[in-house]
Amino acid sequence: MTTTQPLTPSWIADVTMEELEADPHPFYERLRREAPVAFVPQLGLHIVSTRDLCLEIAKDSAHWPAVISPAGGRTFGHGAILNTNGPEHTELRGMVEPHLQPSAVDKYIDPLVRPFARERLAAIEDNGAADIVAEYFEPVSVRALGDLLGLDDVSTDKLREWFHKLSVSFTNADMTPDGEFANPDGFIPGDEAKAEIIAHVDPKIDHWITHPDHTAISHWLHDGMPEGQTRSRDVIYPNLYVFLLGAMQEPGHAMGTTLAGLFSRPEQLERVIDDPTLIPRAVGEGMRWVAPIWSAAVKVATSEVTVGGVTLGEGSLVMLSYGSANNDENAYDAPTTYDLDRPVIPNLTFGGGVHACAGTYFASAVVRIALEELFETIPNIELDPAHEVNFWGWGFRGPKALNVTWEV
């Protein structure tokens, strides 16, 4: 017998947000096996955890339009591209996509990323050791997007700070039984970051309105608008927050995840260092192995619908767990093992359907170039045995640190 609200398996109530942040794998593995569509009271919505069901919903935008998680809505505000559908979504995609099309990316990506990557490596290559996430991956990731957007006058450290504060806010998802946020103060860091962003960007928008240039935000203001008109800041800012969170740091997470995966297979790391043409394949497997955006996409049922044998009522919210889908045992052999030679099966790292990530090509190119430069400069890189590799996050996931050594 089905129900309009699936029963919550009793063990779900005992799972804490802290446990999910530390290691979501056991939770999602059990969900895939026992309850691939399950209501999770801590989140106030349903989780869909298998690859087939995530694909089914992601591709059906007519019956499953996108919405945003409560914490995401509180973080970004109204009008974010993640929370739009139909003509409004098409218009926003038209705003952000021109700079992210492969033909455009190929023209600017090398001079955007490679010089800064070389600069960062030159600063550390004589040290013989580093937390490569903090000292190289994160800076390259945020600098690439920051410069593309037109935030070249914002320091790398400040961009990293904005990302981390927005991430704290977006993942502050714990809900009370009556639908309130369990930790309202968890949004304070995100609010602080947004206030700083507005204070810094507002004067730049004033300038771009009358002096448009090649930067992405300038194009957001002008492209597709009637002569003499620009887009409202009410449109620009929610989508800027989305980019500063979902697009800024995630290439850095993907770099760290890929290197951590290769460290788990030393013979495969050696092959990639010897043959840089394998880097895109290594990155693809890294992002399948641990999806940088693990659980973020939320959809809403437009009518009563049966999914995975469970009937959900109209208005039901479901979170598509792409990280779980990428580790589905029914789609991948030994999915929690990193394997460069794994048969290539499309995964959900960048989502699916009309809301698939617009920055897929850009992000992949940033990761590729960063790893090309790293392996060229420090080909004898090794994992520091004195430090464990600790991944963190259930919404966004990547190594908190990745300590490496090399002979100078």
Protein backbone atom coordinates (compact mmCIF):
# COMPACT_ATOMS: atom_id res chain seq x y z
CA MET A 1 0.00 0.00 0.00
CA THR A 2 1.31 3.44 -0.88
CA THR A 3 0.94 6.64 1.06
CA THR A 4 0.93 10.33 0.20
CA GLN A 5 3.75 10.77 2.73
CA PRO A 6 6.11 7.81 2.90
CA LEU A 7 6.78 6.43 6.33
CA THR A 8 10.12 7.45 7.73
CA PRO A 9 12.22 4.39 8.63
CA SER A 10 12.78 4.55 12.37
CA TRP A 11 16.56 4.71 12.08
CA ILE A 12 16.43 7.98 10.10
CA ALA A 13 15.29 9.88 13.16
CA ASP A 14 18.57 9.03 14.87
CA VAL A 15 20.76 10.44 12.08
CA THR A 16 22.20 13.88 12.87
CA MET A 17 23.34 16.62 10.53
CA GLU A 18 26.81 16.29 12.05
CA GLU A 19 26.94 12.63 11.03
CA LEU A 20 25.83 13.49 7.51
CA GLU A 21 28.50 16.17 7.22
CA ALA A 22 31.20 13.77 8.42
CA ASP A 23 30.24 10.80 6.26
CA PRO A 24 26.96 10.55 4.34
CA HIS A 25 27.90 7.23 2.70
CA PRO A 26 26.41 4.80 5.28
CA PHE A 27 23.18 6.80 5.47
CA TYR A 28 22.67 6.95 1.71
CA GLU A 29 23.75 3.36 1.13
CA ARG A 30 21.04 2.24 3.51
CA LEU A 31 18.51 4.58 1.89
CA ARG A 32 19.26 3.14 -1.55
CA ARG A 33 18.75 -0.35 -0.20
CA GLU A 34 15.76 0.15 2.10
CA ALA A 35 14.01 3.40 1.25
CA PRO A 36 15.12 5.04 -2.02
CA VAL A 37 12.33 7.60 -1.54
CA ALA A 38 12.12 8.58 2.12
CA PHE A 39 10.91 11.51 4.16
CA VAL A 40 13.69 12.91 6.34
CA PRO A 41 12.27 15.00 9.18
CA GLN A 42 15.62 16.65 9.88
CA LEU A 43 15.45 18.23 6.40
CA GLY A 44 11.70 18.66 6.13
CA LEU A 45 11.60 16.97 2.73
CA HIS A 46 12.01 13.68 0.90
CA ILE A 47 15.36 12.31 -0.24
CA VAL A 48 15.70 10.41 -3.51
CA SER A 49 18.90 8.40 -3.42
CA THR A 50 19.17 6.03 -6.43
CA ARG A 51 20.54 6.90 -9.84
CA ASP A 52 17.50 5.76 -11.83
CA LEU A 53 15.02 7.71 -9.72
CA CYS A 54 17.19 10.85 -9.68
CA LEU A 55 17.43 10.68 -13.48
CA GLU A 56 13.71 10.08 -13.83
CA ILE A 57 12.84 13.19 -11.85
CA ALA A 58 15.64 15.42 -13.15
CA LYS A 59 14.57 14.88 -16.77
CA ASP A 60 10.87 15.52 -16.12
CA SER A 61 10.77 19.28 -15.61
CA ALA A 62 7.08 19.43 -16.57
CA HIS A 63 5.97 17.37 -13.59
CA TRP A 64 8.95 18.12 -11.37
CA PRO A 65 9.85 21.82 -11.60
CA ALA A 66 12.81 23.06 -9.60
CA VAL A 67 12.45 24.75 -6.27
CA ILE A 68 15.06 25.43 -3.64
CA SER A 69 15.63 23.94 -0.23
CA PRO A 70 14.44 26.06 2.71
CA ALA A 71 18.03 26.82 3.69
CA GLY A 72 18.92 27.59 0.07
CA GLY A 73 15.99 29.97 -0.25
CA ARG A 74 17.01 31.71 2.96
CA THR A 75 20.57 32.03 1.66
CA PHE A 76 19.99 33.16 -1.93
CA GLY A 77 16.63 34.92 -1.74
CA HIS A 78 13.97 35.09 -4.45
CA GLY A 79 14.93 34.96 -8.11
CA ALA A 80 17.90 32.59 -8.03
CA ILE A 81 18.27 30.48 -11.16
CA LEU A 82 17.95 27.33 -9.03
CA ASN A 83 14.41 28.31 -8.11
CA THR A 84 13.01 29.26 -11.52
CA ASN A 85 11.23 27.38 -14.27
CA GLY A 86 9.74 27.96 -17.71
CA PRO A 87 10.33 31.31 -19.41
CA GLU A 88 11.94 32.85 -16.31
CA HIS A 89 14.48 30.03 -16.15
CA THR A 90 15.12 30.27 -19.90
CA GLU A 91 15.75 34.00 -19.55
CA LEU A 92 18.21 33.51 -16.69
CA ARG A 93 20.04 30.74 -18.54
CA GLY A 94 20.32 33.13 -21.45
CA MET A 95 21.85 35.63 -19.05
CA VAL A 96 24.56 33.38 -17.61
CA GLU A 97 25.33 30.91 -20.39
CA PRO A 98 27.11 32.99 -23.08
CA HIS A 99 30.33 33.19 -21.01
CA LEU A 100 30.11 29.47 -20.24
CA GLN A 101 29.61 27.98 -23.69
CA PRO A 102 32.55 25.77 -24.75
CA SER A 103 33.34 28.00 -27.74
CA ALA A 104 33.60 31.00 -25.41
CA VAL A 105 35.45 29.19 -22.62
CA ASP A 106 38.11 27.89 -24.99
CA LYS A 107 38.99 31.46 -25.95
CA TYR A 108 39.69 32.74 -22.44
CA ILE A 109 40.29 29.81 -20.09
CA ASP A 110 44.07 29.40 -20.48
CA PRO A 111 45.02 33.04 -19.82
CA LEU A 112 42.40 33.18 -17.07
CA VAL A 113 43.65 30.16 -15.12
CA ARG A 114 47.16 29.10 -16.10
CA PRO A 115 49.18 32.20 -15.11
CA PHE A 116 47.66 32.32 -11.63
CA ALA A 117 48.12 28.55 -11.20
CA ARG A 118 51.81 28.93 -12.05
CA GLU A 119 52.11 31.87 -9.66
CA ARG A 120 50.67 29.87 -6.78
CA LEU A 121 52.89 26.88 -7.51
CA ALA A 122 55.98 29.08 -7.71
CA ALA A 123 55.17 30.31 -4.22
CA ILE A 124 55.13 26.81 -2.71
CA GLU A 125 57.29 24.55 -4.90
CA ASP A 126 60.44 25.06 -2.80
CA ASN A 127 58.64 24.24 0.46
CA GLY A 128 58.44 20.48 -0.05
CA ALA A 129 55.06 20.26 1.68
CA ALA A 130 51.66 21.92 1.63
CA ASP A 131 47.99 21.61 2.36
CA ILE A 132 47.38 21.62 -1.35
CA VAL A 133 43.68 22.41 -0.93
CA ALA A 134 44.23 25.64 1.00
CA GLU A 135 47.42 26.70 -0.73
CA TYR A 136 46.62 25.85 -4.33
CA PHE A 137 43.27 24.25 -5.23
CA GLU A 138 40.94 26.67 -3.47
CA PRO A 139 42.83 29.80 -4.56
CA VAL A 140 42.92 28.74 -8.21
CA SER A 141 39.25 27.82 -8.14
CA VAL A 142 37.97 31.06 -6.62
CA ARG A 143 40.35 33.27 -8.57
CA ALA A 144 39.25 31.83 -11.92
CA LEU A 145 35.57 32.51 -11.33
CA GLY A 146 36.14 35.77 -9.50
CA ASP A 147 38.10 37.22 -12.41
CA LEU A 148 35.56 35.95 -14.92
CA LEU A 149 32.74 37.63 -13.03
CA GLY A 150 34.58 40.93 -12.79
CA LEU A 151 35.70 40.62 -9.17
CA ASP A 152 39.40 40.84 -9.96
CA ASP A 153 39.76 43.55 -7.28
CA VAL A 154 38.58 41.17 -4.54
CA SER A 155 41.39 39.26 -2.83
CA THR A 156 41.60 35.51 -3.17
CA ASP A 157 41.29 35.13 0.59
CA LYS A 158 38.13 37.24 0.64
CA LEU A 159 36.58 35.18 -2.16
CA ARG A 160 37.33 32.02 -0.20
CA GLU A 161 35.80 33.59 2.90
CA TRP A 162 32.62 34.51 1.02
CA PHE A 163 32.29 30.97 -0.27
CA HIS A 164 32.73 29.39 3.13
CA LYS A 165 30.23 31.73 4.80
CA LEU A 166 27.62 31.15 2.10
CA SER A 167 28.23 27.40 2.40
CA VAL A 168 27.60 27.49 6.15
CA SER A 169 24.29 29.21 5.46
CA PHE A 170 23.20 26.97 2.58
CA THR A 171 23.88 23.78 4.52
CA ASN A 172 22.16 25.00 7.69
CA ALA A 173 19.31 22.68 6.80
CA ASP A 174 18.24 21.18 10.13
CA MET A 175 14.49 21.76 10.65
CA THR A 176 12.23 21.49 13.69
CA PRO A 177 9.05 19.36 13.60
CA ASP A 178 6.96 22.51 13.07
CA GLY A 179 8.95 23.52 9.99
CA GLU A 180 11.21 26.17 11.53
CA PHE A 181 14.98 26.37 11.21
CA ALA A 182 16.56 24.58 14.16
CA ASN A 183 19.55 26.94 14.14
CA PRO A 184 18.56 30.42 12.94
CA ASP A 185 21.99 31.79 13.90
CA GLY A 186 23.50 29.47 11.31
CA PHE A 187 22.52 32.01 8.66
CA ILE A 188 24.50 34.85 10.22
CA PRO A 189 27.76 34.07 8.34
CA GLY A 190 25.92 34.02 5.01
CA ASP A 191 24.18 37.30 5.82
CA GLU A 192 27.54 38.85 6.67
CA ALA A 193 29.00 37.70 3.37
CA LYS A 194 26.04 39.01 1.37
CA ALA A 195 26.28 42.42 3.03
CA GLU A 196 29.97 42.60 2.09
CA ILE A 197 29.25 41.45 -1.46
CA ILE A 198 26.58 44.11 -1.99
CA ALA A 199 28.78 46.84 -0.51
CA HIS A 200 31.60 45.89 -2.88
CA VAL A 201 29.63 45.13 -6.03
CA ASP A 202 27.06 47.96 -5.95
CA PRO A 203 29.57 50.63 -7.07
CA LYS A 204 30.84 48.27 -9.77
CA ILE A 205 27.29 47.79 -11.06
CA ASP A 206 26.89 51.57 -11.15
CA HIS A 207 29.97 51.69 -13.38
CA TRP A 208 29.00 48.73 -15.58
CA ILE A 209 25.58 50.24 -16.29
CA THR A 210 27.19 53.12 -18.18
CA HIS A 211 30.53 51.49 -19.06
CA PRO A 212 29.89 47.84 -20.00
CA ASP A 213 32.92 45.62 -20.43
CA HIS A 214 33.84 41.98 -21.07
CA THR A 215 33.18 40.69 -17.54
CA ALA A 216 30.35 38.28 -16.83
CA ILE A 217 28.40 40.51 -14.44
CA SER A 218 28.52 43.35 -16.94
CA HIS A 219 27.04 41.02 -19.55
CA TRP A 220 24.39 39.87 -17.08
CA LEU A 221 23.31 43.49 -16.76
CA HIS A 222 23.07 44.19 -20.49
CA ASP A 223 22.67 41.05 -22.62
CA GLY A 224 19.18 40.57 -24.03
CA MET A 225 17.83 43.78 -22.55
CA PRO A 226 16.02 46.50 -24.52
CA GLU A 227 18.11 49.47 -25.58
CA GLY A 228 18.92 51.70 -22.62
CA GLN A 229 17.79 49.17 -19.97
CA THR A 230 19.72 46.90 -17.64
CA ARG A 231 18.68 44.04 -15.41
CA SER A 232 17.63 44.79 -11.87
CA ARG A 233 19.99 44.17 -8.98
CA ASP A 234 17.18 42.01 -7.59
CA VAL A 235 18.02 39.63 -10.44
CA ILE A 236 21.80 40.02 -10.32
CA TYR A 237 22.45 39.43 -6.63
CA PRO A 238 20.59 36.13 -5.99
CA ASN A 239 22.35 34.62 -9.00
CA LEU A 240 25.70 36.09 -8.01
CA TYR A 241 25.33 34.32 -4.64
CA VAL A 242 24.60 31.08 -6.49
CA PHE A 243 27.78 31.46 -8.52
CA LEU A 244 29.90 32.48 -5.53
CA LEU A 245 28.79 29.29 -3.77
CA GLY A 246 27.99 26.59 -6.29
CA ALA A 247 30.45 27.60 -9.02
CA MET A 248 33.33 29.22 -7.18
CA GLN A 249 34.60 26.57 -4.81
CA GLU A 250 33.41 23.36 -6.41
CA PRO A 251 36.23 23.13 -8.97
CA GLY A 252 38.57 23.30 -5.99
CA HIS A 253 36.71 20.44 -4.33
CA ALA A 254 36.92 18.46 -7.57
CA MET A 255 40.68 19.01 -7.76
CA GLY A 256 41.15 17.77 -4.19
CA THR A 257 38.84 14.82 -4.66
CA THR A 258 40.57 13.75 -7.88
CA LEU A 259 44.01 13.92 -6.32
CA ALA A 260 42.81 12.05 -3.22
CA GLY A 261 41.35 9.38 -5.49
CA LEU A 262 44.60 9.07 -7.41
CA PHE A 263 46.54 8.81 -4.14
CA SER A 264 44.37 5.78 -3.33
CA ARG A 265 45.61 4.19 -6.58
CA PRO A 266 49.34 5.07 -6.81
CA GLU A 267 49.85 3.23 -10.08
CA GLN A 268 47.04 5.26 -11.64
CA LEU A 269 48.51 8.50 -10.29
CA GLU A 270 51.80 7.63 -11.95
CA ARG A 271 50.08 7.00 -15.28
CA VAL A 272 48.27 10.34 -15.15
CA ILE A 273 51.44 12.26 -14.28
CA ASP A 274 53.25 10.54 -17.16
CA ASP A 275 50.37 11.12 -19.60
CA PRO A 276 48.50 14.41 -18.97
CA THR A 277 45.93 13.50 -21.63
CA LEU A 278 44.46 11.18 -18.97
CA ILE A 279 43.66 14.11 -16.67
CA PRO A 280 40.10 14.69 -17.99
CA ARG A 281 39.29 11.01 -17.43
CA ALA A 282 40.83 11.15 -13.96
CA VAL A 283 38.77 14.24 -13.13
CA GLY A 284 35.56 12.67 -14.42
CA GLU A 285 36.07 9.66 -12.17
CA GLY A 286 37.01 11.89 -9.24
CA MET A 287 33.78 13.87 -9.53
CA ARG A 288 31.77 10.65 -9.81
CA TRP A 289 33.57 9.12 -6.84
CA VAL A 290 32.80 12.09 -4.57
CA ALA A 291 30.42 14.57 -6.18
CA PRO A 292 31.40 18.13 -5.21
CA ILE A 293 27.70 19.05 -5.00
CA TRP A 294 26.40 16.01 -3.15
CA SER A 295 22.82 16.98 -2.27
CA ALA A 296 21.40 20.31 -3.37
CA ALA A 297 18.84 20.01 -6.19
CA VAL A 298 15.24 20.13 -4.97
CA LYS A 299 12.11 19.47 -7.04
CA VAL A 300 8.39 19.77 -6.27
CA ALA A 301 5.61 17.48 -7.45
CA THR A 302 2.98 19.35 -9.51
CA SER A 303 0.43 16.61 -8.82
CA GLU A 304 0.15 13.32 -7.00
CA VAL A 305 2.79 11.01 -8.42
CA THR A 306 4.25 7.59 -7.73
CA VAL A 307 8.04 7.38 -7.55
CA GLY A 308 9.87 4.19 -6.75
CA GLY A 309 6.64 2.58 -5.59
CA VAL A 310 5.85 5.44 -3.22
CA THR A 311 2.99 7.82 -3.92
CA LEU A 312 3.79 11.44 -3.12
CA GLY A 313 1.16 14.11 -2.81
CA GLU A 314 1.00 17.31 -4.85
CA GLY A 315 3.50 19.82 -3.50
CA SER A 316 5.86 17.19 -2.09
CA LEU A 317 9.48 18.34 -2.03
CA VAL A 318 12.24 15.91 -3.02
CA MET A 319 15.97 16.41 -2.80
CA LEU A 320 17.94 14.61 -5.52
CA SER A 321 21.10 13.23 -3.94
CA TYR A 322 23.49 13.27 -6.87
CA GLY A 323 26.40 12.09 -4.75
CA SER A 324 24.37 9.06 -3.73
CA ALA A 325 23.26 8.43 -7.32
CA ASN A 326 26.90 8.41 -8.40
CA ASN A 327 27.59 5.66 -5.85
CA ASP A 328 24.60 3.51 -6.73
CA GLU A 329 25.61 -0.16 -6.65
CA ASN A 330 23.08 -0.94 -9.38
CA ALA A 331 24.87 1.37 -11.81
CA TYR A 332 28.55 1.09 -10.88
CA ASP A 333 30.75 -1.78 -9.78
CA ALA A 334 32.51 -1.07 -6.48
CA PRO A 335 31.26 2.54 -6.62
CA THR A 336 33.10 3.76 -3.52
CA THR A 337 36.44 2.81 -5.09
CA TYR A 338 38.24 5.35 -7.26
CA ASP A 339 39.15 3.72 -10.59
CA LEU A 340 40.61 5.56 -13.55
CA ASP A 341 39.85 2.56 -15.77
CA ARG A 342 36.18 2.33 -14.83
CA PRO A 343 33.89 2.09 -17.89
CA VAL A 344 32.55 5.57 -18.57
CA ILE A 345 28.88 5.72 -17.58
CA PRO A 346 27.19 9.14 -17.48
CA ASN A 347 26.85 10.37 -13.92
CA LEU A 348 24.89 13.11 -12.19
CA THR A 349 27.74 15.24 -10.88
CA PHE A 350 26.47 18.25 -12.83
CA GLY A 351 22.79 17.39 -12.51
CA GLY A 352 20.44 16.63 -15.37
CA GLY A 353 17.60 17.96 -17.47
CA VAL A 354 17.02 21.67 -18.08
CA HIS A 355 18.58 22.52 -14.71
CA ALA A 356 21.86 20.77 -15.43
CA CYS A 357 24.78 22.95 -14.39
CA ALA A 358 25.49 25.71 -16.91
CA GLY A 359 29.14 25.80 -15.87
CA THR A 360 30.03 22.16 -16.56
CA TYR A 361 32.57 22.90 -19.29
CA PHE A 362 34.08 25.88 -17.47
CA ALA A 363 34.51 24.00 -14.19
CA SER A 364 36.02 20.95 -15.89
CA ALA A 365 38.50 23.16 -17.75
CA VAL A 366 39.59 24.93 -14.55
CA VAL A 367 40.20 21.58 -12.85
CA ARG A 368 42.09 20.20 -15.85
CA ILE A 369 44.44 23.17 -16.13
CA ALA A 370 45.12 23.27 -12.38
CA LEU A 371 46.10 19.59 -12.36
CA GLU A 372 48.16 19.92 -15.55
CA GLU A 373 50.21 22.66 -13.92
CA LEU A 374 50.51 20.80 -10.60
CA PHE A 375 51.76 17.56 -12.14
CA GLU A 376 54.14 19.43 -14.45
CA THR A 377 55.65 21.43 -11.58
CA ILE A 378 55.58 18.78 -8.82
CA PRO A 379 55.57 15.38 -10.56
CA ASN A 380 56.86 13.63 -7.41
CA ILE A 381 53.90 14.71 -5.27
CA GLU A 382 52.93 12.25 -2.52
CA LEU A 383 50.32 12.06 0.19
CA ASP A 384 51.74 13.02 3.58
CA PRO A 385 51.36 9.85 5.68
CA ALA A 386 51.24 11.93 8.86
CA HIS A 387 47.81 13.29 7.94
CA GLU A 388 44.56 11.52 7.13
CA VAL A 389 42.38 12.67 4.23
CA ASN A 390 39.19 13.93 5.83
CA PHE A 391 36.25 14.64 3.54
CA TRP A 392 33.46 16.84 4.84
CA GLY A 393 29.96 17.83 3.80
CA TRP A 394 26.68 16.31 2.65
CA GLY A 395 25.47 19.32 0.61
CA PHE A 396 28.87 20.23 -0.79
CA ARG A 397 31.60 17.65 -0.28
CA GLY A 398 35.36 17.63 -0.64
CA PRO A 399 38.57 17.17 1.35
CA LYS A 400 38.84 19.64 4.23
CA ALA A 401 42.59 19.46 3.73
CA LEU A 402 44.99 17.43 1.62
CA ASN A 403 48.50 17.41 3.02
CA VAL A 404 51.14 16.49 0.48
CA THR A 405 54.92 16.33 0.31
CA TRP A 406 57.52 16.24 -2.41
CA GLU A 407 61.28 16.22 -2.73
CA VAL A 408 62.77 19.64 -3.51
